[in-house]
Amino acid sequence: MKKKQKISFKKFLTIFPEIDLPITLTEADHIEYSRHNKPIPEPMIYEFLSSANDDELTEYVACFQIPQTKGFHAIVYWKAGLMEYEYQMATYDLEGHLLDKHILAGVKSNGQTIVRSVATIESDWLINVVEGTEAIKAKQTVFNPQTSQVHNLELTHNGEIIIAA
């Protein structure tokens, strides 16, 4: 019987390069991340990223690591599922245990509407999210600016991702 190897959290983090803030996450940015970053090995996806609702078609792309975290690590990755593409931030303690996870931006559709969101992560770890909804009518999308919303999140110094006041 083959012994299962322990997956190294430190090695997992090397897939996520540290970047300079501020940075904005838009709908097509995942293409650049997948072009420049190493693919995430499947065992690491199962160990550190996947959730119970994932299926065999769910795809993950490493984006980046938030710089200058001291008592925790914060990464951003792109997750693609059926009619749902999202940038997620996950935070871990120094040993690799999940602290928090939150969707930052992306695109999702139910076939009748498309919800698009863009996020900017500021150098002080404030996250500004702008979201808008488009209706699908006669094979065309119609944007209603009155449906736009702004959400503010904050990455705290203990690794929590909270709704900012």
C-alpha atoms as a PDB file:
ATOM      1  CA  MET A   1       0.000   0.000   0.000  1.00  0.00           C
ATOM      2  CA  LYS A   2       1.387   3.353  -1.057  1.00  0.00           C
ATOM      3  CA  LYS A   3       1.707   5.982   1.659  1.00  0.00           C
ATOM      4  CA  LYS A   4      -0.047   9.271   0.827  1.00  0.00           C
ATOM      5  CA  GLN A   5       2.423  12.149   0.719  1.00  0.00           C
ATOM      6  CA  LYS A   6       1.757  15.298   2.705  1.00  0.00           C
ATOM      7  CA  ILE A   7       1.129  18.251   0.426  1.00  0.00           C
ATOM      8  CA  SER A   8       3.385  21.166   1.304  1.00  0.00           C
ATOM      9  CA  PHE A   9       1.574  24.438   1.985  1.00  0.00           C
ATOM     10  CA  LYS A  10       4.855  26.284   1.455  1.00  0.00           C
ATOM     11  CA  LYS A  11       5.139  24.775  -2.039  1.00  0.00           C
ATOM     12  CA  PHE A  12       1.477  25.642  -2.726  1.00  0.00           C
ATOM     13  CA  LEU A  13       2.216  29.307  -1.940  1.00  0.00           C
ATOM     14  CA  THR A  14       5.041  29.409  -4.516  1.00  0.00           C
ATOM     15  CA  ILE A  15       2.424  29.113  -7.284  1.00  0.00           C
ATOM     16  CA  PHE A  16       1.011  32.512  -6.248  1.00  0.00           C
ATOM     17  CA  PRO A  17       3.510  35.322  -6.939  1.00  0.00           C
ATOM     18  CA  GLU A  18       3.480  38.363  -4.661  1.00  0.00           C
ATOM     19  CA  ILE A  19       2.324  41.486  -6.479  1.00  0.00           C
ATOM     20  CA  ASP A  20       2.281  45.208  -5.833  1.00  0.00           C
ATOM     21  CA  LEU A  21      -0.987  46.784  -4.750  1.00  0.00           C
ATOM     22  CA  PRO A  22      -3.285  48.348  -5.815  1.00  0.00           C
ATOM     23  CA  ILE A  23      -4.587  45.865  -8.379  1.00  0.00           C
ATOM     24  CA  THR A  24      -7.890  45.569 -10.218  1.00  0.00           C
ATOM     25  CA  LEU A  25      -9.537  42.250 -11.102  1.00  0.00           C
ATOM     26  CA  THR A  26     -11.573  42.338 -14.295  1.00  0.00           C
ATOM     27  CA  GLU A  27     -13.406  39.728 -16.311  1.00  0.00           C
ATOM     28  CA  ALA A  28     -10.522  38.803 -18.640  1.00  0.00           C
ATOM     29  CA  ASP A  29      -7.513  39.065 -16.292  1.00  0.00           C
ATOM     30  CA  HIS A  30      -7.493  35.313 -15.611  1.00  0.00           C
ATOM     31  CA  ILE A  31      -6.111  34.790 -19.132  1.00  0.00           C
ATOM     32  CA  GLU A  32      -2.903  36.641 -18.223  1.00  0.00           C
ATOM     33  CA  TYR A  33      -2.612  34.808 -14.905  1.00  0.00           C
ATOM     34  CA  SER A  34      -2.978  31.414 -16.586  1.00  0.00           C
ATOM     35  CA  ARG A  35      -0.389  32.437 -19.182  1.00  0.00           C
ATOM     36  CA  HIS A  36       2.244  33.524 -16.616  1.00  0.00           C
ATOM     37  CA  ASN A  37       1.624  31.367 -13.519  1.00  0.00           C
ATOM     38  CA  LYS A  38       2.236  27.656 -13.065  1.00  0.00           C
ATOM     39  CA  PRO A  39      -0.838  25.396 -13.187  1.00  0.00           C
ATOM     40  CA  ILE A  40      -2.091  24.350  -9.756  1.00  0.00           C
ATOM     41  CA  PRO A  41      -1.539  20.601  -9.302  1.00  0.00           C
ATOM     42  CA  GLU A  42      -4.750  18.689  -8.624  1.00  0.00           C
ATOM     43  CA  PRO A  43      -3.710  17.432  -5.169  1.00  0.00           C
ATOM     44  CA  MET A  44      -3.130  21.058  -4.089  1.00  0.00           C
ATOM     45  CA  ILE A  45      -6.539  22.077  -5.419  1.00  0.00           C
ATOM     46  CA  TYR A  46      -8.195  19.340  -3.363  1.00  0.00           C
ATOM     47  CA  GLU A  47      -6.135  20.135  -0.265  1.00  0.00           C
ATOM     48  CA  PHE A  48      -6.332  23.932  -0.234  1.00  0.00           C
ATOM     49  CA  LEU A  49      -8.984  25.283  -2.650  1.00  0.00           C
ATOM     50  CA  SER A  50     -11.853  23.003  -3.585  1.00  0.00           C
ATOM     51  CA  SER A  51     -15.299  23.023  -2.018  1.00  0.00           C
ATOM     52  CA  ALA A  52     -18.141  20.516  -1.777  1.00  0.00           C
ATOM     53  CA  ASN A  53     -20.025  22.089  -4.740  1.00  0.00           C
ATOM     54  CA  ASP A  54     -17.148  21.576  -7.210  1.00  0.00           C
ATOM     55  CA  ASP A  55     -17.570  19.104 -10.036  1.00  0.00           C
ATOM     56  CA  GLU A  56     -15.087  17.635 -12.517  1.00  0.00           C
ATOM     57  CA  LEU A  57     -15.504  20.694 -14.774  1.00  0.00           C
ATOM     58  CA  THR A  58     -14.450  23.238 -12.122  1.00  0.00           C
ATOM     59  CA  GLU A  59     -11.195  24.942 -13.070  1.00  0.00           C
ATOM     60  CA  TYR A  60      -8.750  26.924 -10.928  1.00  0.00           C
ATOM     61  CA  VAL A  61      -6.070  29.446 -11.946  1.00  0.00           C
ATOM     62  CA  ALA A  62      -3.494  30.879  -9.534  1.00  0.00           C
ATOM     63  CA  CYS A  63      -3.486  34.685  -9.606  1.00  0.00           C
ATOM     64  CA  PHE A  64      -1.351  36.217  -6.853  1.00  0.00           C
ATOM     65  CA  GLN A  65      -0.473  36.529  -3.172  1.00  0.00           C
ATOM     66  CA  ILE A  66      -1.199  39.659  -1.121  1.00  0.00           C
ATOM     67  CA  PRO A  67       2.120  41.195   0.002  1.00  0.00           C
ATOM     68  CA  GLN A  68       3.279  42.000   3.526  1.00  0.00           C
ATOM     69  CA  THR A  69       0.971  39.731   5.494  1.00  0.00           C
ATOM     70  CA  LYS A  70       2.688  38.772   8.711  1.00  0.00           C
ATOM     71  CA  GLY A  71       0.656  36.271  10.747  1.00  0.00           C
ATOM     72  CA  PHE A  72      -1.221  34.775   7.787  1.00  0.00           C
ATOM     73  CA  HIS A  73      -1.165  34.290   4.018  1.00  0.00           C
ATOM     74  CA  ALA A  74      -3.712  35.697   1.553  1.00  0.00           C
ATOM     75  CA  ILE A  75      -4.044  34.442  -2.017  1.00  0.00           C
ATOM     76  CA  VAL A  76      -6.332  35.289  -4.917  1.00  0.00           C
ATOM     77  CA  TYR A  77      -7.336  32.706  -7.499  1.00  0.00           C
ATOM     78  CA  TRP A  78      -9.812  32.422 -10.343  1.00  0.00           C
ATOM     79  CA  LYS A  79     -12.438  29.687 -10.131  1.00  0.00           C
ATOM     80  CA  ALA A  80     -14.530  28.705 -13.160  1.00  0.00           C
ATOM     81  CA  GLY A  81     -17.679  26.623 -12.890  1.00  0.00           C
ATOM     82  CA  LEU A  82     -20.787  26.231 -14.990  1.00  0.00           C
ATOM     83  CA  MET A  83     -21.997  29.766 -15.890  1.00  0.00           C
ATOM     84  CA  GLU A  84     -20.014  31.133 -12.944  1.00  0.00           C
ATOM     85  CA  TYR A  85     -16.505  32.624 -13.051  1.00  0.00           C
ATOM     86  CA  GLU A  86     -15.138  34.256  -9.943  1.00  0.00           C
ATOM     87  CA  TYR A  87     -12.035  35.635  -8.318  1.00  0.00           C
ATOM     88  CA  GLN A  88     -11.818  34.405  -4.761  1.00  0.00           C
ATOM     89  CA  MET A  89      -9.562  35.444  -1.921  1.00  0.00           C
ATOM     90  CA  ALA A  90      -8.604  32.838   0.643  1.00  0.00           C
ATOM     91  CA  THR A  91      -6.622  33.416   3.816  1.00  0.00           C
ATOM     92  CA  TYR A  92      -4.666  30.783   5.726  1.00  0.00           C
ATOM     93  CA  ASP A  93      -2.779  30.681   8.988  1.00  0.00           C
ATOM     94  CA  LEU A  94       0.973  30.069   8.795  1.00  0.00           C
ATOM     95  CA  GLU A  95       0.474  26.280   8.848  1.00  0.00           C
ATOM     96  CA  GLY A  96      -1.970  26.318   5.938  1.00  0.00           C
ATOM     97  CA  HIS A  97      -5.334  26.048   7.703  1.00  0.00           C
ATOM     98  CA  LEU A  98      -8.103  28.042   6.026  1.00  0.00           C
ATOM     99  CA  LEU A  99      -9.082  31.172   7.966  1.00  0.00           C
ATOM    100  CA  ASP A 100     -11.513  32.855   5.575  1.00  0.00           C
ATOM    101  CA  LYS A 101     -12.666  32.880   1.950  1.00  0.00           C
ATOM    102  CA  HIS A 102     -14.647  35.429  -0.058  1.00  0.00           C
ATOM    103  CA  ILE A 103     -15.686  36.042  -3.673  1.00  0.00           C
ATOM    104  CA  LEU A 104     -14.225  39.345  -4.849  1.00  0.00           C
ATOM    105  CA  ALA A 105     -15.325  39.682  -8.480  1.00  0.00           C
ATOM    106  CA  GLY A 106     -16.534  37.719 -11.475  1.00  0.00           C
ATOM    107  CA  VAL A 107     -19.373  36.884 -13.821  1.00  0.00           C
ATOM    108  CA  LYS A 108     -22.389  34.665 -13.214  1.00  0.00           C
ATOM    109  CA  SER A 109     -25.568  33.995 -15.117  1.00  0.00           C
ATOM    110  CA  ASN A 110     -28.835  32.195 -14.570  1.00  0.00           C
ATOM    111  CA  GLY A 111     -29.749  32.363 -18.266  1.00  0.00           C
ATOM    112  CA  GLN A 112     -31.972  35.412 -17.782  1.00  0.00           C
ATOM    113  CA  THR A 113     -29.496  37.846 -16.256  1.00  0.00           C
ATOM    114  CA  ILE A 114     -25.743  38.306 -16.161  1.00  0.00           C
ATOM    115  CA  VAL A 115     -24.129  39.742 -13.030  1.00  0.00           C
ATOM    116  CA  ARG A 116     -20.649  41.200 -13.543  1.00  0.00           C
ATOM    117  CA  SER A 117     -18.383  42.557 -10.846  1.00  0.00           C
ATOM    118  CA  VAL A 118     -14.929  44.137 -10.763  1.00  0.00           C
ATOM    119  CA  ALA A 119     -12.763  44.493  -7.652  1.00  0.00           C
ATOM    120  CA  THR A 120      -9.846  46.734  -6.756  1.00  0.00           C
ATOM    121  CA  ILE A 121      -7.596  45.726  -3.880  1.00  0.00           C
ATOM    122  CA  GLU A 122      -5.962  48.841  -2.450  1.00  0.00           C
ATOM    123  CA  SER A 123      -2.541  48.984  -0.793  1.00  0.00           C
ATOM    124  CA  ASP A 124      -4.232  49.361   2.620  1.00  0.00           C
ATOM    125  CA  TRP A 125      -6.138  46.065   1.976  1.00  0.00           C
ATOM    126  CA  LEU A 126      -9.486  47.750   1.364  1.00  0.00           C
ATOM    127  CA  ILE A 127     -11.351  46.027  -1.466  1.00  0.00           C
ATOM    128  CA  ASN A 128     -13.790  48.010  -3.586  1.00  0.00           C
ATOM    129  CA  VAL A 129     -16.268  45.937  -5.592  1.00  0.00           C
ATOM    130  CA  VAL A 130     -18.545  47.360  -8.295  1.00  0.00           C
ATOM    131  CA  GLU A 131     -21.349  45.085  -9.501  1.00  0.00           C
ATOM    132  CA  GLY A 132     -23.872  45.473 -12.310  1.00  0.00           C
ATOM    133  CA  THR A 133     -26.645  43.357 -13.799  1.00  0.00           C
ATOM    134  CA  GLU A 134     -27.589  42.861 -17.426  1.00  0.00           C
ATOM    135  CA  ALA A 135     -30.883  41.377 -18.600  1.00  0.00           C
ATOM    136  CA  ILE A 136     -30.796  38.920 -21.502  1.00  0.00           C
ATOM    137  CA  LYS A 137     -33.532  39.798 -24.002  1.00  0.00           C
ATOM    138  CA  ALA A 138     -33.822  38.410 -27.527  1.00  0.00           C
ATOM    139  CA  LYS A 139     -30.211  37.098 -27.470  1.00  0.00           C
ATOM    140  CA  GLN A 140     -28.873  40.541 -26.475  1.00  0.00           C
ATOM    141  CA  THR A 141     -27.879  41.930 -23.115  1.00  0.00           C
ATOM    142  CA  VAL A 142     -29.371  45.133 -21.757  1.00  0.00           C
ATOM    143  CA  PHE A 143     -27.514  46.902 -18.969  1.00  0.00           C
ATOM    144  CA  ASN A 144     -29.502  48.870 -16.408  1.00  0.00           C
ATOM    145  CA  PRO A 145     -27.148  51.298 -14.594  1.00  0.00           C
ATOM    146  CA  GLN A 146     -29.658  51.632 -11.744  1.00  0.00           C
ATOM    147  CA  THR A 147     -28.829  48.048 -10.737  1.00  0.00           C
ATOM    148  CA  SER A 148     -25.167  48.919 -10.110  1.00  0.00           C
ATOM    149  CA  GLN A 149     -23.948  48.480  -6.551  1.00  0.00           C
ATOM    150  CA  VAL A 150     -20.732  49.184  -4.707  1.00  0.00           C
ATOM    151  CA  HIS A 151     -19.524  46.892  -1.913  1.00  0.00           C
ATOM    152  CA  ASN A 152     -16.515  47.470   0.291  1.00  0.00           C
ATOM    153  CA  LEU A 153     -14.568  44.683   1.930  1.00  0.00           C
ATOM    154  CA  GLU A 154     -11.486  44.745   4.090  1.00  0.00           C
ATOM    155  CA  LEU A 155      -8.735  42.231   4.670  1.00  0.00           C
ATOM    156  CA  THR A 156      -7.927  42.543   8.375  1.00  0.00           C
ATOM    157  CA  HIS A 157      -4.527  42.025   9.998  1.00  0.00           C
ATOM    158  CA  ASN A 158      -5.666  38.674  11.420  1.00  0.00           C
ATOM    159  CA  GLY A 159      -6.721  37.286   8.028  1.00  0.00           C
ATOM    160  CA  GLU A 160     -10.465  37.914   8.150  1.00  0.00           C
ATOM    161  CA  ILE A 161     -12.269  39.289   5.103  1.00  0.00           C
ATOM    162  CA  ILE A 162     -15.017  41.547   6.417  1.00  0.00           C
ATOM    163  CA  ILE A 163     -17.641  43.902   5.023  1.00  0.00           C
ATOM    164  CA  ALA A 164     -16.216  47.395   5.529  1.00  0.00           C
ATOM    165  CA  ALA A 165     -18.433  50.152   6.912  1.00  0.00           C
END
